Amino acid sequence: MSTAASLDHVGIAGRDLGAMAAAFERLGFQLTPLARHSGKRTPDGPVVPFGTGNRCIMLREGYIELIAIVDPAAFSNTLDRFLARYAGIHIIALGIEDETANLDRLRQAGIDIPGVAYLERPVDDADPDGPRARFARLPLPEAPEGRLQLIRHLTPEAIWQERFLTHPNHAAGLAEVVIAVEHPAESAARFSRLAGRPVVPDPAGGFALPLPRGTVRLLPPDGLDAAFPGAAAPSLPFIAGIVVRSDDVDATARLLAGRGVPHQSLGTGLLVGADQGAGAALRFVP
């Protein structure tokens, strides 16, 4: 299949991975252990350590990556450039089933992608001989919205372990990511080409890219308030926040209240501001 099938994950970038992890644990998420990235700088090059590390929030559908520079002397894979703009969401990955077919499709669409980029990391840095997570990636070059990529998991069993999938806040799936852009039609065309799927008008203005699993919304700045009331873009483009499905929103609300996390009711769901989510606003919905 040569089109994107899912909103695979979003990456929230910051400078202090420990502080980010603590913030999301307070929100009731279960995190994976610290893992350091490595990969090939070129399609035919050797696997080398990168300067970035992560901890992830694995959901039944999709996941959230918390990523930071853990070794400033090593290759940051553009993360330092993103952090110069703002701390928050800078990575959007759409899931694919066949990297070769999608590479051919993108090249035929005139997108200059040199080849499949491979990335790998241990599941747990404290267990270097344990399982390793491996990925095949097709990054969209120089996308203004952030690090946009297609991804296929080569070892899904390594990270979607049952011990990581049960969250005290009842989070179950990644439903949406919302981006504020100056020219929604231009961004929508870029995402449509990347995914190989059409966009549709969004009720808040701009466009939406619906996938078989998950949605990307591309809104004008004045439409951002419809998705995350009170959100303000520090600069444009701005990946403002995510929508997470909960299997028990009432239980999510009780946890947030019990831990003193500021939040508000929003329709049938809950809103947590970006100041509580390391720069990313969150909505929990049924």
C-alpha atoms as a PDB file:
ATOM      1  CA  MET A   1       0.000   0.000   0.000  1.00  0.00           C
ATOM      2  CA  SER A   2       1.523   3.312  -1.062  1.00  0.00           C
ATOM      3  CA  THR A   3      -0.450   5.770   1.054  1.00  0.00           C
ATOM      4  CA  ALA A   4      -0.365   6.724   4.727  1.00  0.00           C
ATOM      5  CA  ALA A   5      -2.656   4.664   6.949  1.00  0.00           C
ATOM      6  CA  SER A   6      -2.440   6.316  10.355  1.00  0.00           C
ATOM      7  CA  LEU A   7      -1.329   9.159  12.569  1.00  0.00           C
ATOM      8  CA  ASP A   8       1.533   7.081  13.930  1.00  0.00           C
ATOM      9  CA  HIS A   9       2.991   9.497  16.478  1.00  0.00           C
ATOM     10  CA  VAL A  10       3.781  13.076  17.367  1.00  0.00           C
ATOM     11  CA  GLY A  11       7.026  14.228  18.959  1.00  0.00           C
ATOM     12  CA  ILE A  12       7.136  16.853  21.707  1.00  0.00           C
ATOM     13  CA  ALA A  13      10.593  18.401  21.874  1.00  0.00           C
ATOM     14  CA  GLY A  14      12.198  20.133  24.834  1.00  0.00           C
ATOM     15  CA  ARG A  15      15.535  20.788  26.486  1.00  0.00           C
ATOM     16  CA  ASP A  16      15.026  18.808  29.706  1.00  0.00           C
ATOM     17  CA  LEU A  17      13.760  15.295  29.142  1.00  0.00           C
ATOM     18  CA  GLY A  18      13.479  14.637  32.872  1.00  0.00           C
ATOM     19  CA  ALA A  19      11.195  17.620  33.415  1.00  0.00           C
ATOM     20  CA  MET A  20       9.069  16.683  30.406  1.00  0.00           C
ATOM     21  CA  ALA A  21       8.687  13.129  31.655  1.00  0.00           C
ATOM     22  CA  ALA A  22       7.685  14.359  35.104  1.00  0.00           C
ATOM     23  CA  ALA A  23       5.030  16.648  33.574  1.00  0.00           C
ATOM     24  CA  PHE A  24       3.435  13.814  31.593  1.00  0.00           C
ATOM     25  CA  GLU A  25       3.610  11.372  34.478  1.00  0.00           C
ATOM     26  CA  ARG A  26       1.674  13.966  36.507  1.00  0.00           C
ATOM     27  CA  LEU A  27      -0.926  13.957  33.716  1.00  0.00           C
ATOM     28  CA  GLY A  28      -1.336  10.236  34.306  1.00  0.00           C
ATOM     29  CA  PHE A  29       0.667   8.747  31.460  1.00  0.00           C
ATOM     30  CA  GLN A  30       2.876   5.661  31.734  1.00  0.00           C
ATOM     31  CA  LEU A  31       6.244   6.268  30.041  1.00  0.00           C
ATOM     32  CA  THR A  32       8.781   3.947  28.477  1.00  0.00           C
ATOM     33  CA  PRO A  33      12.365   4.023  29.810  1.00  0.00           C
ATOM     34  CA  LEU A  34      15.001   6.419  28.474  1.00  0.00           C
ATOM     35  CA  ALA A  35      16.320   5.415  25.049  1.00  0.00           C
ATOM     36  CA  ARG A  36      19.109   7.008  22.993  1.00  0.00           C
ATOM     37  CA  HIS A  37      18.680   7.283  19.221  1.00  0.00           C
ATOM     38  CA  SER A  38      21.093   6.050  16.599  1.00  0.00           C
ATOM     39  CA  GLY A  39      20.837   5.747  12.856  1.00  0.00           C
ATOM     40  CA  LYS A  40      22.393   6.250   9.458  1.00  0.00           C
ATOM     41  CA  ARG A  41      23.353   9.793   8.482  1.00  0.00           C
ATOM     42  CA  THR A  42      23.091   8.691   4.826  1.00  0.00           C
ATOM     43  CA  PRO A  43      21.097   5.801   3.310  1.00  0.00           C
ATOM     44  CA  ASP A  44      24.281   3.741   2.801  1.00  0.00           C
ATOM     45  CA  GLY A  45      26.216   4.924   5.856  1.00  0.00           C
ATOM     46  CA  PRO A  46      26.948   3.163   9.144  1.00  0.00           C
ATOM     47  CA  VAL A  47      24.657   3.304  12.174  1.00  0.00           C
ATOM     48  CA  VAL A  48      26.021   5.956  14.579  1.00  0.00           C
ATOM     49  CA  PRO A  49      24.778   7.380  17.907  1.00  0.00           C
ATOM     50  CA  PHE A  50      22.681  10.535  17.677  1.00  0.00           C
ATOM     51  CA  GLY A  51      22.549  13.262  20.311  1.00  0.00           C
ATOM     52  CA  THR A  52      18.848  12.794  21.002  1.00  0.00           C
ATOM     53  CA  GLY A  53      17.012  10.536  23.400  1.00  0.00           C
ATOM     54  CA  ASN A  54      13.378   9.921  24.162  1.00  0.00           C
ATOM     55  CA  ARG A  55      10.745   8.494  26.418  1.00  0.00           C
ATOM     56  CA  CYS A  56       7.465   7.482  24.829  1.00  0.00           C
ATOM     57  CA  ILE A  57       3.814   7.207  25.750  1.00  0.00           C
ATOM     58  CA  MET A  58       2.617   4.093  23.960  1.00  0.00           C
ATOM     59  CA  LEU A  59      -1.111   4.019  23.284  1.00  0.00           C
ATOM     60  CA  ARG A  60      -3.318   1.272  21.915  1.00  0.00           C
ATOM     61  CA  GLU A  61      -3.381   3.333  18.719  1.00  0.00           C
ATOM     62  CA  GLY A  62      -0.393   5.575  18.028  1.00  0.00           C
ATOM     63  CA  TYR A  63       1.930   7.144  20.561  1.00  0.00           C
ATOM     64  CA  ILE A  64       3.463  10.356  21.878  1.00  0.00           C
ATOM     65  CA  GLU A  65       7.232  10.829  21.866  1.00  0.00           C
ATOM     66  CA  LEU A  66       9.004  13.077  24.361  1.00  0.00           C
ATOM     67  CA  ILE A  67      12.358  13.931  22.803  1.00  0.00           C
ATOM     68  CA  ALA A  68      15.314  16.066  23.872  1.00  0.00           C
ATOM     69  CA  ILE A  69      19.009  16.530  23.183  1.00  0.00           C
ATOM     70  CA  VAL A  70      20.822  14.338  25.696  1.00  0.00           C
ATOM     71  CA  ASP A  71      24.325  14.758  24.198  1.00  0.00           C
ATOM     72  CA  PRO A  72      24.955  18.265  22.800  1.00  0.00           C
ATOM     73  CA  ALA A  73      28.213  17.112  21.187  1.00  0.00           C
ATOM     74  CA  ALA A  74      26.462  14.607  18.912  1.00  0.00           C
ATOM     75  CA  PHE A  75      24.194  15.002  15.871  1.00  0.00           C
ATOM     76  CA  SER A  76      20.860  16.537  16.938  1.00  0.00           C
ATOM     77  CA  ASN A  77      19.014  15.553  13.732  1.00  0.00           C
ATOM     78  CA  THR A  78      17.688  19.165  13.423  1.00  0.00           C
ATOM     79  CA  LEU A  79      16.182  19.192  16.924  1.00  0.00           C
ATOM     80  CA  ASP A  80      18.296  22.175  18.005  1.00  0.00           C
ATOM     81  CA  ARG A  81      16.894  24.189  15.091  1.00  0.00           C
ATOM     82  CA  PHE A  82      13.335  23.354  16.086  1.00  0.00           C
ATOM     83  CA  LEU A  83      13.929  24.285  19.727  1.00  0.00           C
ATOM     84  CA  ALA A  84      15.226  27.689  18.667  1.00  0.00           C
ATOM     85  CA  ARG A  85      11.632  28.424  17.573  1.00  0.00           C
ATOM     86  CA  TYR A  86       9.710  27.005  20.552  1.00  0.00           C
ATOM     87  CA  ALA A  87       9.507  24.040  22.887  1.00  0.00           C
ATOM     88  CA  GLY A  88       6.583  21.789  22.011  1.00  0.00           C
ATOM     89  CA  ILE A  89       5.443  19.568  19.155  1.00  0.00           C
ATOM     90  CA  HIS A  90       7.791  19.507  16.175  1.00  0.00           C
ATOM     91  CA  ILE A  91       7.421  15.962  14.830  1.00  0.00           C
ATOM     92  CA  ILE A  92       4.522  14.350  12.983  1.00  0.00           C
ATOM     93  CA  ALA A  93       4.868  10.807  11.667  1.00  0.00           C
ATOM     94  CA  LEU A  94       2.288   9.100   9.484  1.00  0.00           C
ATOM     95  CA  GLY A  95       2.265   5.318   9.477  1.00  0.00           C
ATOM     96  CA  ILE A  96       2.834   3.328   6.279  1.00  0.00           C
ATOM     97  CA  GLU A  97       2.933  -0.345   5.368  1.00  0.00           C
ATOM     98  CA  ASP A  98       5.447  -0.264   2.487  1.00  0.00           C
ATOM     99  CA  GLU A  99       8.335   2.200   2.466  1.00  0.00           C
ATOM    100  CA  THR A 100       9.536   1.233  -1.036  1.00  0.00           C
ATOM    101  CA  ALA A 101       6.142   1.806  -2.664  1.00  0.00           C
ATOM    102  CA  ASN A 102       5.744   5.133  -0.861  1.00  0.00           C
ATOM    103  CA  LEU A 103       9.264   6.215  -1.841  1.00  0.00           C
ATOM    104  CA  ASP A 104       8.402   5.543  -5.493  1.00  0.00           C
ATOM    105  CA  ARG A 105       5.126   7.470  -5.139  1.00  0.00           C
ATOM    106  CA  LEU A 106       6.822  10.497  -3.566  1.00  0.00           C
ATOM    107  CA  ARG A 107       9.558  10.582  -6.182  1.00  0.00           C
ATOM    108  CA  GLN A 108       6.957  10.410  -8.938  1.00  0.00           C
ATOM    109  CA  ALA A 109       5.269  13.392  -7.251  1.00  0.00           C
ATOM    110  CA  GLY A 110       8.521  15.331  -7.615  1.00  0.00           C
ATOM    111  CA  ILE A 111       9.625  15.175  -3.965  1.00  0.00           C
ATOM    112  CA  ASP A 112      13.399  14.820  -3.693  1.00  0.00           C
ATOM    113  CA  ILE A 113      13.897  12.023  -1.158  1.00  0.00           C
ATOM    114  CA  PRO A 114      17.338  10.360  -1.428  1.00  0.00           C
ATOM    115  CA  GLY A 115      16.156   7.035  -0.039  1.00  0.00           C
ATOM    116  CA  VAL A 116      14.786   5.254   2.988  1.00  0.00           C
ATOM    117  CA  ALA A 117      16.297   6.538   6.248  1.00  0.00           C
ATOM    118  CA  TYR A 118      16.704   3.985   9.011  1.00  0.00           C
ATOM    119  CA  LEU A 119      16.599   4.761  12.708  1.00  0.00           C
ATOM    120  CA  GLU A 120      17.018   2.501  15.686  1.00  0.00           C
ATOM    121  CA  ARG A 121      17.251   2.697  19.453  1.00  0.00           C
ATOM    122  CA  PRO A 122      17.164   0.392  22.432  1.00  0.00           C
ATOM    123  CA  VAL A 123      13.844   0.123  24.209  1.00  0.00           C
ATOM    124  CA  ASP A 124      15.733   0.818  27.445  1.00  0.00           C
ATOM    125  CA  ASP A 125      19.221   2.358  27.654  1.00  0.00           C
ATOM    126  CA  ALA A 126      19.714   0.522  30.950  1.00  0.00           C
ATOM    127  CA  ASP A 127      19.351  -2.780  29.078  1.00  0.00           C
ATOM    128  CA  PRO A 128      21.718  -2.459  26.083  1.00  0.00           C
ATOM    129  CA  ASP A 129      21.397  -6.155  25.239  1.00  0.00           C
ATOM    130  CA  GLY A 130      17.598  -6.000  25.328  1.00  0.00           C
ATOM    131  CA  PRO A 131      15.213  -5.466  22.426  1.00  0.00           C
ATOM    132  CA  ARG A 132      15.862  -2.669  19.931  1.00  0.00           C
ATOM    133  CA  ALA A 133      13.227  -0.658  18.122  1.00  0.00           C
ATOM    134  CA  ARG A 134      13.903  -0.199  14.411  1.00  0.00           C
ATOM    135  CA  PHE A 135      12.132   2.068  11.941  1.00  0.00           C
ATOM    136  CA  ALA A 136      12.110   2.772   8.209  1.00  0.00           C
ATOM    137  CA  ARG A 137      11.487   6.472   7.571  1.00  0.00           C
ATOM    138  CA  LEU A 138      10.749   8.740   4.640  1.00  0.00           C
ATOM    139  CA  PRO A 139      11.339  12.299   5.884  1.00  0.00           C
ATOM    140  CA  LEU A 140       9.837  15.159   3.895  1.00  0.00           C
ATOM    141  CA  PRO A 141      12.786  17.503   3.181  1.00  0.00           C
ATOM    142  CA  GLU A 142      12.675  20.996   4.663  1.00  0.00           C
ATOM    143  CA  ALA A 143       8.990  21.030   5.552  1.00  0.00           C
ATOM    144  CA  PRO A 144       8.210  24.370   7.250  1.00  0.00           C
ATOM    145  CA  GLU A 145       5.673  22.771   9.621  1.00  0.00           C
ATOM    146  CA  GLY A 146       8.306  20.622  11.345  1.00  0.00           C
ATOM    147  CA  ARG A 147       9.801  17.174  10.970  1.00  0.00           C
ATOM    148  CA  LEU A 148       7.217  15.463   8.798  1.00  0.00           C
ATOM    149  CA  GLN A 149       7.768  11.855   7.873  1.00  0.00           C
ATOM    150  CA  LEU A 150       6.285   8.571   6.828  1.00  0.00           C
ATOM    151  CA  ILE A 151       7.302   5.667   9.047  1.00  0.00           C
ATOM    152  CA  ARG A 152       7.060   1.899   9.176  1.00  0.00           C
ATOM    153  CA  HIS A 153       7.817   0.049  12.370  1.00  0.00           C
ATOM    154  CA  LEU A 154      10.159  -2.846  11.669  1.00  0.00           C
ATOM    155  CA  THR A 155       9.900  -4.137  15.253  1.00  0.00           C
ATOM    156  CA  PRO A 156       6.481  -3.049  16.607  1.00  0.00           C
ATOM    157  CA  GLU A 157       6.521  -5.757  19.255  1.00  0.00           C
ATOM    158  CA  ALA A 158       9.563  -4.103  20.844  1.00  0.00           C
ATOM    159  CA  ILE A 159       7.721  -0.940  21.890  1.00  0.00           C
ATOM    160  CA  TRP A 160       4.035  -1.873  21.930  1.00  0.00           C
ATOM    161  CA  GLN A 161       4.563  -4.038  24.990  1.00  0.00           C
ATOM    162  CA  GLU A 162       1.565  -4.610  27.238  1.00  0.00           C
ATOM    163  CA  ARG A 163       3.411  -3.173  30.240  1.00  0.00           C
ATOM    164  CA  PHE A 164       3.548   0.223  28.491  1.00  0.00           C
ATOM    165  CA  LEU A 165      -0.079   0.378  27.317  1.00  0.00           C
ATOM    166  CA  THR A 166      -2.054   0.852  30.537  1.00  0.00           C
ATOM    167  CA  HIS A 167      -2.202   4.479  31.691  1.00  0.00           C
ATOM    168  CA  PRO A 168      -3.593   5.757  34.998  1.00  0.00           C
ATOM    169  CA  ASN A 169      -5.432   8.501  33.060  1.00  0.00           C
ATOM    170  CA  HIS A 170      -7.114   5.905  30.782  1.00  0.00           C
ATOM    171  CA  ALA A 171      -5.483   7.252  27.599  1.00  0.00           C
ATOM    172  CA  ALA A 172      -6.060   4.798  24.764  1.00  0.00           C
ATOM    173  CA  GLY A 173      -5.354   6.389  21.375  1.00  0.00           C
ATOM    174  CA  LEU A 174      -3.913   9.319  19.453  1.00  0.00           C
ATOM    175  CA  ALA A 175      -6.812  10.877  17.549  1.00  0.00           C
ATOM    176  CA  GLU A 176      -5.678  14.253  16.124  1.00  0.00           C
ATOM    177  CA  VAL A 177      -2.841  16.696  15.797  1.00  0.00           C
ATOM    178  CA  VAL A 178      -3.637  20.375  15.176  1.00  0.00           C
ATOM    179  CA  ILE A 179      -1.369  22.815  13.340  1.00  0.00           C
ATOM    180  CA  ALA A 180      -1.778  26.582  12.957  1.00  0.00           C
ATOM    181  CA  VAL A 181      -0.421  27.743   9.592  1.00  0.00           C
ATOM    182  CA  GLU A 182      -0.392  31.036   7.733  1.00  0.00           C
ATOM    183  CA  HIS A 183      -1.466  29.514   4.416  1.00  0.00           C
ATOM    184  CA  PRO A 184      -3.627  26.434   5.084  1.00  0.00           C
ATOM    185  CA  ALA A 185      -4.044  25.547   1.402  1.00  0.00           C
ATOM    186  CA  GLU A 186      -0.269  25.342   0.869  1.00  0.00           C
ATOM    187  CA  SER A 187       0.258  23.206   3.976  1.00  0.00           C
ATOM    188  CA  ALA A 188      -2.712  21.016   3.096  1.00  0.00           C
ATOM    189  CA  ALA A 189      -1.273  20.350  -0.358  1.00  0.00           C
ATOM    190  CA  ARG A 190       2.060  19.367   1.226  1.00  0.00           C
ATOM    191  CA  PHE A 191       0.425  16.956   3.667  1.00  0.00           C
ATOM    192  CA  SER A 192      -1.771  15.513   0.931  1.00  0.00           C
ATOM    193  CA  ARG A 193       1.279  14.780  -1.223  1.00  0.00           C
ATOM    194  CA  LEU A 194       3.109  13.224   1.712  1.00  0.00           C
ATOM    195  CA  ALA A 195       0.189  11.001   2.685  1.00  0.00           C
ATOM    196  CA  GLY A 196      -1.084  10.260  -0.814  1.00  0.00           C
ATOM    197  CA  ARG A 197      -4.603  11.092   0.368  1.00  0.00           C
ATOM    198  CA  PRO A 198      -7.005  14.002  -0.209  1.00  0.00           C
ATOM    199  CA  VAL A 199      -7.744  16.735   2.303  1.00  0.00           C
ATOM    200  CA  VAL A 200     -11.213  18.023   3.164  1.00  0.00           C
ATOM    201  CA  PRO A 201     -12.463  21.384   4.496  1.00  0.00           C
ATOM    202  CA  ASP A 202     -12.213  21.715   8.282  1.00  0.00           C
ATOM    203  CA  PRO A 203     -15.191  23.174  10.188  1.00  0.00           C
ATOM    204  CA  ALA A 204     -12.868  25.608  11.972  1.00  0.00           C
ATOM    205  CA  GLY A 205     -11.438  26.878   8.697  1.00  0.00           C
ATOM    206  CA  GLY A 206      -8.482  25.472   6.815  1.00  0.00           C
ATOM    207  CA  PHE A 207      -8.299  21.781   5.998  1.00  0.00           C
ATOM    208  CA  ALA A 208      -8.177  18.340   7.566  1.00  0.00           C
ATOM    209  CA  LEU A 209      -6.328  15.224   6.413  1.00  0.00           C
ATOM    210  CA  PRO A 210      -8.432  12.269   7.559  1.00  0.00           C
ATOM    211  CA  LEU A 211      -6.576   8.962   7.706  1.00  0.00           C
ATOM    212  CA  PRO A 212      -7.956   5.481   8.353  1.00  0.00           C
ATOM    213  CA  ARG A 213      -6.689   6.024  11.886  1.00  0.00           C
ATOM    214  CA  GLY A 214      -6.267   9.613  13.070  1.00  0.00           C
ATOM    215  CA  THR A 215      -6.523  13.110  11.581  1.00  0.00           C
ATOM    216  CA  VAL A 216      -4.190  16.021  10.864  1.00  0.00           C
ATOM    217  CA  ARG A 217      -5.888  19.443  11.062  1.00  0.00           C
ATOM    218  CA  LEU A 218      -4.349  22.500   9.371  1.00  0.00           C
ATOM    219  CA  LEU A 219      -6.012  25.667  10.654  1.00  0.00           C
ATOM    220  CA  PRO A 220      -5.524  29.400  10.144  1.00  0.00           C
ATOM    221  CA  PRO A 221      -4.329  31.178  13.293  1.00  0.00           C
ATOM    222  CA  ASP A 222      -7.813  32.516  14.040  1.00  0.00           C
ATOM    223  CA  GLY A 223      -9.200  28.973  13.909  1.00  0.00           C
ATOM    224  CA  LEU A 224      -6.855  27.648  16.577  1.00  0.00           C
ATOM    225  CA  ASP A 225      -9.136  28.733  19.392  1.00  0.00           C
ATOM    226  CA  ALA A 226     -11.826  26.358  18.118  1.00  0.00           C
ATOM    227  CA  ALA A 227      -9.543  23.400  18.778  1.00  0.00           C
ATOM    228  CA  PHE A 228      -7.725  24.627  21.894  1.00  0.00           C
ATOM    229  CA  PRO A 229      -9.420  27.623  23.518  1.00  0.00           C
ATOM    230  CA  GLY A 230      -6.866  30.126  24.770  1.00  0.00           C
ATOM    231  CA  ALA A 231      -3.976  28.703  22.728  1.00  0.00           C
ATOM    232  CA  ALA A 232      -1.618  31.253  21.179  1.00  0.00           C
ATOM    233  CA  ALA A 233       0.954  30.590  18.460  1.00  0.00           C
ATOM    234  CA  PRO A 234       4.480  31.798  19.391  1.00  0.00           C
ATOM    235  CA  SER A 235       5.329  31.694  15.687  1.00  0.00           C
ATOM    236  CA  LEU A 236       3.944  30.168  12.510  1.00  0.00           C
ATOM    237  CA  PRO A 237       3.723  27.373  11.591  1.00  0.00           C
ATOM    238  CA  PHE A 238       2.875  26.067  15.061  1.00  0.00           C
ATOM    239  CA  ILE A 239       1.947  22.487  15.921  1.00  0.00           C
ATOM    240  CA  ALA A 240      -0.330  23.434  18.777  1.00  0.00           C
ATOM    241  CA  GLY A 241      -1.602  20.258  20.367  1.00  0.00           C
ATOM    242  CA  ILE A 242      -3.086  16.806  20.214  1.00  0.00           C
ATOM    243  CA  VAL A 243      -6.366  15.064  20.894  1.00  0.00           C
ATOM    244  CA  VAL A 244      -6.124  11.834  22.898  1.00  0.00           C
ATOM    245  CA  ARG A 245      -8.920   9.309  23.232  1.00  0.00           C
ATOM    246  CA  SER A 246      -9.698   8.133  26.767  1.00  0.00           C
ATOM    247  CA  ASP A 247     -11.657   4.974  27.526  1.00  0.00           C
ATOM    248  CA  ASP A 248     -13.097   6.715  30.618  1.00  0.00           C
ATOM    249  CA  VAL A 249     -13.093  10.528  30.492  1.00  0.00           C
ATOM    250  CA  ASP A 250     -14.666  10.768  33.956  1.00  0.00           C
ATOM    251  CA  ALA A 251     -11.754   8.775  35.371  1.00  0.00           C
ATOM    252  CA  THR A 252      -9.336  11.035  33.480  1.00  0.00           C
ATOM    253  CA  ALA A 253     -10.978  14.085  35.074  1.00  0.00           C
ATOM    254  CA  ARG A 254     -10.776  12.551  38.555  1.00  0.00           C
ATOM    255  CA  LEU A 255      -7.073  11.853  38.142  1.00  0.00           C
ATOM    256  CA  LEU A 256      -6.310  15.372  36.941  1.00  0.00           C
ATOM    257  CA  ALA A 257      -8.320  16.898  39.764  1.00  0.00           C
ATOM    258  CA  GLY A 258      -6.724  14.636  42.342  1.00  0.00           C
ATOM    259  CA  ARG A 259      -3.272  15.662  41.216  1.00  0.00           C
ATOM    260  CA  GLY A 260      -4.117  19.358  41.073  1.00  0.00           C
ATOM    261  CA  VAL A 261      -3.642  19.619  37.303  1.00  0.00           C
ATOM    262  CA  PRO A 262      -5.463  22.681  35.918  1.00  0.00           C
ATOM    263  CA  HIS A 263      -7.994  21.624  33.279  1.00  0.00           C
ATOM    264  CA  GLN A 264     -11.430  22.524  32.000  1.00  0.00           C
ATOM    265  CA  SER A 265     -14.408  20.706  30.560  1.00  0.00           C
ATOM    266  CA  LEU A 266     -14.763  21.119  26.815  1.00  0.00           C
ATOM    267  CA  GLY A 267     -17.834  19.539  25.280  1.00  0.00           C
ATOM    268  CA  THR A 268     -17.723  15.863  26.148  1.00  0.00           C
ATOM    269  CA  GLY A 269     -14.002  16.027  26.876  1.00  0.00           C
ATOM    270  CA  LEU A 270     -11.297  17.836  28.822  1.00  0.00           C
ATOM    271  CA  LEU A 271      -8.724  20.482  27.936  1.00  0.00           C
ATOM    272  CA  VAL A 272      -5.247  20.704  29.478  1.00  0.00           C
ATOM    273  CA  GLY A 273      -3.226  23.781  28.556  1.00  0.00           C
ATOM    274  CA  ALA A 274       0.180  23.795  26.909  1.00  0.00           C
ATOM    275  CA  ASP A 275       1.796  25.007  30.137  1.00  0.00           C
ATOM    276  CA  GLN A 276       1.030  21.599  31.622  1.00  0.00           C
ATOM    277  CA  GLY A 277       2.109  19.596  28.543  1.00  0.00           C
ATOM    278  CA  ALA A 278       5.670  20.790  27.855  1.00  0.00           C
ATOM    279  CA  GLY A 279       4.395  23.241  25.247  1.00  0.00           C
ATOM    280  CA  ALA A 280       1.677  21.000  23.800  1.00  0.00           C
ATOM    281  CA  ALA A 281      -2.028  21.510  24.527  1.00  0.00           C
ATOM    282  CA  LEU A 282      -3.998  18.302  25.104  1.00  0.00           C
ATOM    283  CA  ARG A 283      -7.638  17.413  24.752  1.00  0.00           C
ATOM    284  CA  PHE A 284      -8.991  14.165  26.162  1.00  0.00           C
ATOM    285  CA  VAL A 285     -12.130  12.910  24.394  1.00  0.00           C
ATOM    286  CA  PRO A 286     -14.234   9.757  24.721  1.00  0.00           C
END
